[in-house]
Structure formats: C-alpha cells, structure tokens
Amino acid sequence: MLRSGLTRRLVTAAIAATLVLSCGAAAPVTSPPAGGRTPVSPTGPVPISPVPASTSSPAPVPLASASPAGAATAGRSAAASPLASADPSVPLPPPDTVVDAGTCSTVGVCSTVAVRIWSSVPYTPPVRCTAAGATCRLRMDVFAPVRAGGWPLVVMLPGGPQPPNSYGYARQVGLSLAGQGAVVMVAGWRQAPEYGGGYPGSFRDIACAIGVARMTGPSYGASRDHVVLAGHSLGGWAAAVIALTDTPYTPAAGSCNATSGSLRPDALVTLNGSVTEVVAWKTNVERVTAFLGGDRAARPDAWAASDPYALARSHPASAGHVAITIVQGEADTTVEPDVAREFHAVLEAAGLESRLVLVPKAGHVDLLAAGGAIEAIIQAAREP
C-alpha cells in the first residue's frame, strides 16, 4: 500500500537478491539503498539491459519435459489437480511435476530452488464459458518452491482474448518466477463475452483468483499478506482495473471457491499492458462495446469503471492504492512504448506511486522471455 506523500520516481527493476540468469553462474543485481528503491535520472527511466547469452549454459529445458512426480504429467486438461485445502495442516496432493534447482526454463532463467507444479487446478465451480451457456471450471497452474518458507505470492493473468484456461504461454513465466523464490498461480479468466466474460464478470473472475490465492497460498508455502497481480497484454489492462478500483469486485454467489482476505492485490505489475482498451476504443469498437454491454451513452458507468486512466484520475492517492510497476518492451509494436509512458505519467499526475521499466529489444510476447520482466515482478513481490 502507498503512504500519503510518498515521493514518486522512476526506477529500474533492481532487486536485493541474486537472480540466476544462466545455469551454474549467478548474475549479481544491484541492491537498492536502505529504505527505498534505486533512484535514476529524472530525465527518464534507465532501460534494463538484455540478459546476456551464456556460452556455458546447458540448453533450456522445456516445461513439458521436466521430471514427472509419480505417474502424473504436466499440462493435463482432462484430469485436474485437487485444489489445496484452506487448512495448511492438510497435506497437499502430490505435484504433477517437480523441476530441479538449476534447471533452465525456455525463458532463459534458471531456477535457484527446486519447484513443484500442480497443473490445471480448478478455482471456481462450473461457470458459463460460452455465449451459448456451456460451462467449465476456471483453472490455474500453481508453481511453488519445494523448500518451505513464507514465499511471496504472485497471481499471473495471460493476455488474449482467448478461451478460458488457455494460458500455456504464461506457464514458463510461472516456472521462472517460482524458481527465484515465489509461489505463482497462473490463472485463466473469461476474457470476452463469447467465453462467458464481459463487464463485470471478467473482473470478478480475477478478484476470485486473488481471494482463492490468499486462501490456499499458505498450503503451497506462500504468505497471503502480500499478493502481486501481474498481467500481460489484455491481462495487464484487467489487472490495472482491479488494482485501481477501491471497492473490490465481489464474485457472484456460487461462482468462486472459498476466498480469504482482500480481493484486491497489494502490488500490480503490467507487462506490455494494453491499458488503453477503453481510451482507444475506436480501434476495437465492436469488441469493447460487446465487453461493456453497450456503447458509452448506454453504459457510462461500465465504461468509466473499466478505464484505468479514469480510475487513476478519480481516486485520491491516500485511498490505499497499490504500488504499480509498468514493464514495457521497447520493441513492442502491438502495445507501443508510448502507451506505457503515458500511463506512467497519468499515474504520477494523480499522485500515485508508479515505476516504469523499459526493456530493450523486447517485443510483445518475448518480453516475458527477458530477464528484466522477471526481475521486476520479483522485486514487486519482495517489497513490503
């Protein structure tokens, strides 16, 4: 949470721990000064250097080829892992996969701790997942260090729009983050009306995922007291709406498993976030209008409630806003860097804490393969 009058400044994603970027070799990361983040020149953000290739590193190991635990396999779609009990004293079901420490993921980051993976864990009862009314259960993949400890907790939202539970490309990010010491839940959500989503249901899905993460996180070794909501592309827009809305979205009755604590996050990270979905609605008229249930004249409240810019400008800085990190690939042609710069400026003008991280040569999707993105999320997760 922010403190009133907190100085706002641009910083790079520097963390106070060592992030292993190549197997067998550790790359030191500059520690921030005591009591604050690393300040940089007021003229603009200092881009994060690309992760250098290591000639001594073994070939990355795809997630699907990780060693299975027992007879279970990763990526199952029919059979699902049971959800962890809300009671941490109840043993977890066996993980689907265990990844050894020192294993390099395909995003170029090697784990410093062994990681357990539970695939396709349902976090809702059956909910409507098509326009015709067919149902499904929203699911998440859970990545957790084998070693016990009060690990920070990250909920990761994929982009789209795509069908619920189509989050495969974000699984490697979950593995990379967990390998650095975090419990990560990569959550599917209903992203469009044709998948049962729209306003406000899509945002309620995300609130549900946060609440279920807080409820079950301790069973996986996480602390429920500090939840980072990270979103890529369309997921970045939805995550920003959740983080900037003072009154939490509440899942409809019977649409969410048991939750605990706040349904808002404690920190937000957008990754090439398409935060102008509503501001630049003319580029996607039919999709935005369908999502919001009508045009701006017919549904003004829905439009205002789904616009991160309007939410930032209308809420006082002292109202308990979360700390926000904007991570942007400088080579992104889908969500161009000016979007991130403008959003950062809007947040600062509203008196909110915002950190802008620019990653050189990173495009829309391959930003997730850049060490800078992993560093930024880990830093947000480790900060109180």
Protein backbone atom coordinates (compact mmCIF):
# COMPACT_ATOMS: atom_id res chain seq x y z
CA MET A 1 0.00 0.00 0.00
CA LEU A 2 1.07 3.57 -0.56
CA ARG A 3 1.75 6.15 2.08
CA SER A 4 0.39 9.64 1.56
CA GLY A 5 3.01 11.98 0.14
CA LEU A 6 5.34 9.19 -0.94
CA THR A 7 7.92 10.52 -3.38
CA ARG A 8 7.33 9.26 -6.90
CA ARG A 9 10.27 8.45 -9.11
CA LEU A 10 11.37 6.29 -12.00
CA VAL A 11 13.45 3.31 -11.06
CA THR A 12 14.90 0.27 -12.67
CA ALA A 13 13.96 -3.23 -11.58
CA ALA A 14 16.87 -3.87 -9.25
CA ILE A 15 16.36 -6.45 -6.54
CA ALA A 16 18.27 -7.11 -3.36
CA ALA A 17 18.87 -10.75 -4.16
CA THR A 18 20.90 -12.61 -6.74
CA LEU A 19 18.89 -13.67 -9.77
CA VAL A 20 20.39 -16.64 -11.57
CA LEU A 21 20.28 -15.96 -15.29
CA SER A 22 22.44 -18.81 -16.56
CA CYS A 23 22.81 -22.29 -15.18
CA GLY A 24 25.83 -22.63 -12.96
CA ALA A 25 26.55 -18.89 -12.86
CA ALA A 26 24.92 -16.16 -10.84
CA ALA A 27 24.43 -12.63 -12.11
CA PRO A 28 24.53 -10.08 -9.29
CA VAL A 29 21.80 -7.48 -9.22
CA THR A 30 22.37 -4.08 -7.69
CA SER A 31 20.81 -3.71 -4.25
CA PRO A 32 18.63 -0.63 -3.65
CA PRO A 33 19.64 1.79 -0.92
CA ALA A 34 18.23 1.22 2.53
CA GLY A 35 14.68 2.46 2.92
CA GLY A 36 13.83 2.91 -0.74
CA ARG A 37 14.14 1.94 -4.35
CA THR A 38 17.04 2.81 -6.60
CA PRO A 39 16.62 6.36 -7.95
CA VAL A 40 17.64 7.20 -11.51
CA SER A 41 17.95 10.30 -13.63
CA PRO A 42 14.81 12.47 -13.61
CA THR A 43 15.02 12.76 -17.38
CA GLY A 44 13.64 9.26 -17.88
CA PRO A 45 13.86 5.60 -16.97
CA VAL A 46 17.06 3.68 -17.33
CA PRO A 47 16.36 0.67 -19.58
CA ILE A 48 17.23 -2.75 -18.26
CA SER A 49 19.99 -4.45 -20.17
CA PRO A 50 19.03 -7.59 -22.08
CA VAL A 51 20.03 -10.84 -20.44
CA PRO A 52 23.36 -11.88 -21.95
CA ALA A 53 23.60 -15.28 -23.50
CA SER A 54 25.79 -17.72 -21.62
CA THR A 55 28.02 -19.95 -23.68
CA SER A 56 28.45 -22.29 -20.72
CA SER A 57 24.75 -22.79 -20.01
CA PRO A 58 23.07 -26.06 -20.93
CA ALA A 59 20.18 -25.94 -23.36
CA PRO A 60 16.92 -24.70 -21.83
CA VAL A 61 14.62 -27.45 -20.63
CA PRO A 62 11.00 -27.12 -21.84
CA LEU A 63 8.45 -27.28 -19.07
CA ALA A 64 6.77 -30.34 -20.53
CA SER A 65 10.00 -32.34 -20.29
CA ALA A 66 10.51 -31.74 -16.58
CA SER A 67 10.67 -34.83 -14.38
CA PRO A 68 7.18 -36.08 -13.50
CA ALA A 69 6.28 -36.78 -9.90
CA GLY A 70 4.82 -40.27 -9.72
CA ALA A 71 2.56 -41.16 -12.60
CA ALA A 72 1.14 -37.66 -13.10
CA THR A 73 2.20 -35.46 -16.02
CA ALA A 74 2.22 -31.73 -16.52
CA GLY A 75 -0.30 -29.91 -18.67
CA ARG A 76 -3.21 -32.25 -18.10
CA SER A 77 -6.54 -30.92 -19.35
CA ALA A 78 -8.95 -33.74 -18.51
CA ALA A 79 -7.75 -34.73 -15.04
CA ALA A 80 -7.05 -31.84 -12.72
CA SER A 81 -5.06 -31.49 -9.53
CA PRO A 82 -7.29 -31.10 -6.48
CA LEU A 83 -7.32 -27.62 -5.01
CA ALA A 84 -5.22 -27.16 -1.90
CA SER A 85 -7.15 -27.19 1.34
CA ALA A 86 -7.74 -23.90 3.11
CA ASP A 87 -6.24 -25.61 6.17
CA PRO A 88 -2.42 -25.58 5.85
CA SER A 89 -2.28 -28.63 8.13
CA VAL A 90 -3.99 -30.73 5.47
CA PRO A 91 -1.34 -32.31 3.20
CA LEU A 92 -1.20 -31.16 -0.40
CA PRO A 93 -1.88 -33.66 -3.17
CA PRO A 94 1.33 -34.78 -4.91
CA PRO A 95 2.54 -32.29 -7.53
CA ASP A 96 2.22 -33.17 -11.18
CA THR A 97 5.83 -32.20 -11.84
CA VAL A 98 8.99 -31.40 -9.89
CA VAL A 99 11.68 -29.25 -11.54
CA ASP A 100 15.15 -29.49 -10.02
CA ALA A 101 17.08 -26.45 -8.87
CA GLY A 102 19.48 -25.25 -11.57
CA THR A 103 17.10 -26.19 -14.38
CA CYS A 104 16.92 -23.57 -17.12
CA SER A 105 13.49 -22.69 -18.46
CA THR A 106 12.88 -21.72 -22.06
CA VAL A 107 12.68 -18.06 -21.00
CA GLY A 108 16.40 -18.16 -20.19
CA VAL A 109 16.18 -18.05 -16.39
CA CYS A 110 17.48 -20.91 -14.27
CA SER A 111 15.87 -21.90 -11.01
CA THR A 112 17.71 -21.29 -7.75
CA VAL A 113 15.32 -23.60 -5.88
CA ALA A 114 13.50 -26.79 -6.86
CA VAL A 115 9.92 -26.14 -7.97
CA ARG A 116 6.76 -28.20 -7.63
CA ILE A 117 3.99 -27.77 -10.23
CA TRP A 118 0.31 -28.53 -9.90
CA SER A 119 -1.42 -28.30 -13.29
CA SER A 120 -4.98 -27.28 -14.13
CA VAL A 121 -6.14 -26.68 -10.55
CA PRO A 122 -9.80 -25.50 -10.51
CA TYR A 123 -10.52 -22.35 -8.56
CA THR A 124 -14.21 -21.99 -9.39
CA PRO A 125 -17.24 -24.26 -9.56
CA PRO A 126 -18.69 -24.73 -13.08
CA VAL A 127 -19.38 -21.31 -14.61
CA ARG A 128 -20.66 -20.23 -18.02
CA CYS A 129 -17.79 -20.30 -20.52
CA THR A 130 -19.53 -19.75 -23.86
CA ALA A 131 -22.17 -17.39 -25.20
CA ALA A 132 -24.45 -20.43 -25.57
CA GLY A 133 -24.18 -21.24 -21.88
CA ALA A 134 -21.82 -24.24 -21.80
CA THR A 135 -19.91 -24.44 -18.53
CA CYS A 136 -16.35 -25.03 -17.42
CA ARG A 137 -14.29 -24.56 -14.27
CA LEU A 138 -11.71 -21.80 -14.33
CA ARG A 139 -8.28 -23.20 -13.52
CA MET A 140 -4.79 -22.17 -12.56
CA ASP A 141 -1.37 -23.77 -12.68
CA VAL A 142 0.46 -23.46 -9.37
CA PHE A 143 4.25 -23.20 -9.16
CA ALA A 144 5.82 -23.38 -5.70
CA PRO A 145 9.34 -23.83 -4.32
CA VAL A 146 9.90 -27.23 -2.74
CA ARG A 147 11.64 -25.57 0.18
CA ALA A 148 9.34 -24.39 2.97
CA GLY A 149 9.03 -20.71 3.71
CA GLY A 150 6.72 -17.72 3.63
CA TRP A 151 7.25 -17.09 -0.08
CA PRO A 152 5.70 -14.05 -1.79
CA LEU A 153 2.57 -14.80 -3.80
CA VAL A 154 2.03 -13.85 -7.46
CA VAL A 155 -1.18 -14.21 -9.49
CA MET A 156 -0.38 -14.06 -13.22
CA LEU A 157 -3.01 -13.19 -15.85
CA PRO A 158 -2.43 -14.10 -19.52
CA GLY A 159 -3.50 -11.90 -22.40
CA GLY A 160 -5.94 -12.52 -25.23
CA PRO A 161 -8.78 -12.50 -25.81
CA GLN A 162 -8.67 -16.28 -25.82
CA PRO A 163 -10.76 -19.08 -24.30
CA PRO A 164 -10.67 -19.65 -20.54
CA ASN A 165 -7.71 -21.67 -19.30
CA SER A 166 -5.70 -21.02 -22.49
CA TYR A 167 -2.71 -19.77 -20.56
CA GLY A 168 0.00 -22.14 -21.77
CA TYR A 169 2.41 -19.45 -22.94
CA ALA A 170 2.49 -17.92 -19.45
CA ARG A 171 3.45 -21.18 -17.71
CA GLN A 172 7.14 -20.70 -18.36
CA VAL A 173 6.94 -17.32 -16.62
CA GLY A 174 5.39 -19.07 -13.63
CA LEU A 175 8.26 -21.54 -13.53
CA SER A 176 10.88 -18.80 -13.84
CA LEU A 177 9.36 -16.77 -11.01
CA ALA A 178 8.91 -19.76 -8.71
CA GLY A 179 12.49 -20.77 -9.35
CA GLN A 180 13.60 -17.43 -7.91
CA GLY A 181 11.55 -17.89 -4.73
CA ALA A 182 7.84 -17.17 -5.14
CA VAL A 183 4.57 -19.07 -5.26
CA VAL A 184 2.95 -18.31 -8.61
CA MET A 185 -0.60 -19.02 -9.73
CA VAL A 186 -1.15 -18.61 -13.48
CA ALA A 187 -4.90 -18.13 -13.69
CA GLY A 188 -7.31 -18.50 -16.57
CA TRP A 189 -10.12 -15.94 -16.75
CA ARG A 190 -13.09 -15.26 -19.01
CA GLN A 191 -11.78 -12.55 -21.30
CA ALA A 192 -14.67 -11.82 -23.67
CA PRO A 193 -18.44 -12.29 -23.99
CA GLU A 194 -18.03 -15.26 -26.31
CA TYR A 195 -16.24 -17.02 -23.44
CA GLY A 196 -18.80 -16.08 -20.80
CA GLY A 197 -16.97 -12.89 -19.85
CA GLY A 198 -17.61 -9.17 -20.07
CA TYR A 199 -18.28 -6.43 -17.57
CA PRO A 200 -18.31 -7.01 -14.63
CA GLY A 201 -17.92 -10.80 -14.73
CA SER A 202 -14.37 -10.85 -16.12
CA PHE A 203 -13.14 -8.62 -13.29
CA ARG A 204 -14.99 -10.77 -10.77
CA ASP A 205 -13.06 -13.80 -12.06
CA ILE A 206 -9.79 -12.04 -11.27
CA ALA A 207 -11.00 -10.98 -7.82
CA CYS A 208 -11.92 -14.62 -7.23
CA ALA A 209 -8.44 -15.77 -8.27
CA ILE A 210 -6.83 -13.31 -5.82
CA GLY A 211 -9.07 -14.43 -2.97
CA VAL A 212 -8.52 -18.12 -3.67
CA ALA A 213 -4.78 -17.46 -3.88
CA ARG A 214 -4.85 -15.86 -0.43
CA MET A 215 -6.92 -18.75 0.93
CA THR A 216 -4.79 -21.59 -0.45
CA GLY A 217 -1.39 -19.88 -0.72
CA PRO A 218 -0.14 -20.94 2.73
CA SER A 219 -0.69 -24.59 1.79
CA TYR A 220 1.83 -24.08 -1.01
CA GLY A 221 4.28 -22.25 1.26
CA ALA A 222 3.23 -18.66 0.45
CA SER A 223 2.42 -15.71 2.65
CA ARG A 224 -1.09 -14.46 1.94
CA ASP A 225 -0.21 -10.98 3.22
CA HIS A 226 1.39 -9.66 0.02
CA VAL A 227 -0.15 -10.62 -3.32
CA VAL A 228 1.25 -9.30 -6.60
CA LEU A 229 -1.15 -9.23 -9.53
CA ALA A 230 0.79 -9.41 -12.82
CA GLY A 231 -0.92 -9.17 -16.19
CA HIS A 232 0.33 -9.42 -19.75
CA SER A 233 -1.26 -7.52 -22.63
CA LEU A 234 -5.07 -7.71 -22.18
CA GLY A 235 -4.39 -9.22 -18.77
CA GLY A 236 -2.42 -6.09 -17.91
CA TRP A 237 -5.47 -3.92 -18.61
CA ALA A 238 -7.74 -6.09 -16.48
CA ALA A 239 -5.18 -6.23 -13.69
CA ALA A 240 -4.87 -2.42 -13.72
CA VAL A 241 -8.65 -2.06 -13.40
CA ILE A 242 -8.68 -4.40 -10.40
CA ALA A 243 -5.75 -2.62 -8.72
CA LEU A 244 -7.12 0.90 -9.27
CA THR A 245 -10.67 0.12 -8.13
CA ASP A 246 -11.02 0.99 -4.45
CA THR A 247 -14.05 -1.22 -3.79
CA PRO A 248 -13.13 -4.83 -4.58
CA TYR A 249 -15.13 -6.73 -7.16
CA THR A 250 -17.13 -9.49 -5.48
CA PRO A 251 -17.69 -12.81 -7.30
CA ALA A 252 -21.32 -13.70 -7.87
CA ALA A 253 -22.80 -16.25 -5.48
CA GLY A 254 -21.77 -19.78 -6.39
CA SER A 255 -19.13 -18.66 -8.92
CA CYS A 256 -15.96 -18.90 -6.81
CA ASN A 257 -14.26 -21.28 -4.41
CA ALA A 258 -13.63 -20.15 -0.84
CA THR A 259 -11.59 -16.95 -0.53
CA SER A 260 -9.67 -15.17 2.20
CA GLY A 261 -8.76 -11.55 2.85
CA SER A 262 -8.83 -8.73 0.37
CA LEU A 263 -9.88 -9.41 -3.22
CA ARG A 264 -7.56 -6.61 -4.37
CA PRO A 265 -3.81 -7.10 -4.83
CA ASP A 266 -1.09 -5.45 -2.78
CA ALA A 267 1.04 -4.69 -5.85
CA LEU A 268 0.47 -4.53 -9.60
CA VAL A 269 2.82 -5.32 -12.49
CA THR A 270 1.70 -4.72 -16.06
CA LEU A 271 3.69 -6.42 -18.82
CA ASN A 272 3.11 -4.70 -22.17
CA GLY A 273 -0.31 -3.96 -20.72
CA SER A 274 -2.97 -2.78 -23.16
CA VAL A 275 -4.29 -0.25 -20.65
CA THR A 276 -5.88 1.87 -23.39
CA GLU A 277 -8.62 -0.70 -24.17
CA VAL A 278 -11.28 1.87 -23.25
CA VAL A 279 -9.34 5.07 -24.00
CA ALA A 280 -8.58 3.90 -27.55
CA TRP A 281 -11.91 2.10 -28.01
CA LYS A 282 -12.31 3.30 -31.61
CA THR A 283 -9.66 0.80 -32.70
CA ASN A 284 -11.76 -2.09 -31.32
CA VAL A 285 -15.30 -0.69 -31.37
CA GLU A 286 -17.21 -3.96 -31.59
CA ARG A 287 -15.10 -5.84 -29.06
CA VAL A 288 -15.05 -3.08 -26.43
CA THR A 289 -18.77 -2.34 -26.82
CA ALA A 290 -19.65 -6.02 -26.53
CA PHE A 291 -17.45 -6.45 -23.44
CA LEU A 292 -19.04 -3.43 -21.70
CA GLY A 293 -22.60 -4.33 -22.70
CA GLY A 294 -23.27 -1.27 -24.82
CA ASP A 295 -21.80 2.00 -26.06
CA ARG A 296 -20.62 4.80 -23.78
CA ALA A 297 -24.02 6.56 -23.87
CA ALA A 298 -25.85 3.39 -22.85
CA ARG A 299 -23.38 2.14 -20.22
CA PRO A 300 -21.41 5.15 -18.91
CA ASP A 301 -20.75 3.54 -15.52
CA ALA A 302 -19.29 0.40 -17.10
CA TRP A 303 -17.03 2.45 -19.36
CA ALA A 304 -15.73 4.59 -16.51
CA ALA A 305 -15.20 1.56 -14.25
CA SER A 306 -13.15 -0.23 -16.93
CA ASP A 307 -10.82 2.67 -17.77
CA PRO A 308 -7.54 2.65 -15.78
CA TYR A 309 -6.91 6.28 -16.78
CA ALA A 310 -10.26 7.44 -15.38
CA LEU A 311 -9.82 5.31 -12.26
CA ALA A 312 -6.40 6.80 -11.58
CA ARG A 313 -7.62 10.37 -12.03
CA SER A 314 -10.71 9.96 -9.86
CA HIS A 315 -9.21 8.29 -6.79
CA PRO A 316 -7.13 10.14 -4.19
CA ALA A 317 -3.56 8.98 -3.67
CA SER A 318 -4.24 8.37 0.01
CA ALA A 319 -7.03 5.86 -0.67
CA GLY A 320 -4.87 2.77 -0.30
CA HIS A 321 -3.71 2.30 -3.86
CA VAL A 322 -1.27 -0.48 -4.61
CA ALA A 323 2.30 0.07 -5.77
CA ILE A 324 2.40 -0.12 -9.57
CA THR A 325 5.20 -1.30 -11.84
CA ILE A 326 4.85 -0.83 -15.60
CA VAL A 327 7.13 -3.14 -17.61
CA GLN A 328 7.34 -2.37 -21.32
CA GLY A 329 9.27 -3.89 -24.19
CA GLU A 330 10.82 -1.15 -26.29
CA ALA A 331 10.37 -3.19 -29.48
CA ASP A 332 6.66 -3.91 -28.91
CA THR A 333 4.58 -2.95 -31.97
CA THR A 334 1.29 -4.29 -30.55
CA VAL A 335 1.26 -2.14 -27.41
CA GLU A 336 3.73 0.59 -28.25
CA PRO A 337 6.07 2.01 -25.58
CA ASP A 338 4.32 5.40 -25.64
CA VAL A 339 1.31 3.69 -24.05
CA ALA A 340 3.43 2.75 -21.02
CA ARG A 341 5.00 6.20 -20.81
CA GLU A 342 1.61 7.90 -20.97
CA PHE A 343 0.09 5.59 -18.35
CA HIS A 344 3.04 6.20 -16.06
CA ALA A 345 2.57 9.96 -16.47
CA VAL A 346 -1.15 9.70 -15.70
CA LEU A 347 -0.44 7.75 -12.52
CA GLU A 348 2.20 10.22 -11.38
CA ALA A 349 -0.06 13.19 -12.11
CA ALA A 350 -2.74 11.54 -9.96
CA GLY A 351 -0.27 11.29 -7.08
CA LEU A 352 0.15 7.52 -7.30
CA GLU A 353 3.37 5.55 -6.99
CA SER A 354 4.47 4.29 -10.38
CA ARG A 355 7.67 2.68 -11.59
CA LEU A 356 8.42 2.45 -15.31
CA VAL A 357 10.76 -0.28 -16.53
CA LEU A 358 11.78 -0.31 -20.21
CA VAL A 359 13.30 -3.50 -21.60
CA PRO A 360 15.40 -3.01 -24.76
CA LYS A 361 14.73 -5.14 -27.86
CA ALA A 362 11.78 -6.91 -26.22
CA GLY A 363 8.62 -7.33 -28.29
CA HIS A 364 5.05 -8.00 -27.26
CA VAL A 365 5.35 -11.64 -26.25
CA ASP A 366 9.11 -12.10 -25.94
CA LEU A 367 9.13 -9.50 -23.16
CA LEU A 368 8.19 -12.46 -20.99
CA ALA A 369 11.46 -14.10 -22.01
CA ALA A 370 13.51 -11.12 -20.83
CA GLY A 371 15.26 -11.17 -17.50
CA GLY A 372 14.08 -7.61 -16.87
CA ALA A 373 10.44 -8.69 -16.68
CA ILE A 374 11.23 -11.48 -14.21
CA GLU A 375 13.35 -9.10 -12.13
CA ALA A 376 10.56 -6.50 -11.98
CA ILE A 377 7.95 -8.99 -10.77
CA ILE A 378 10.31 -10.50 -8.20
CA GLN A 379 11.14 -7.04 -6.86
CA ALA A 380 7.45 -6.16 -6.55
CA ALA A 381 6.87 -9.47 -4.78
CA ARG A 382 9.66 -8.97 -2.27
CA GLU A 383 8.83 -5.42 -1.30
CA PRO A 384 6.54 -4.92 1.72
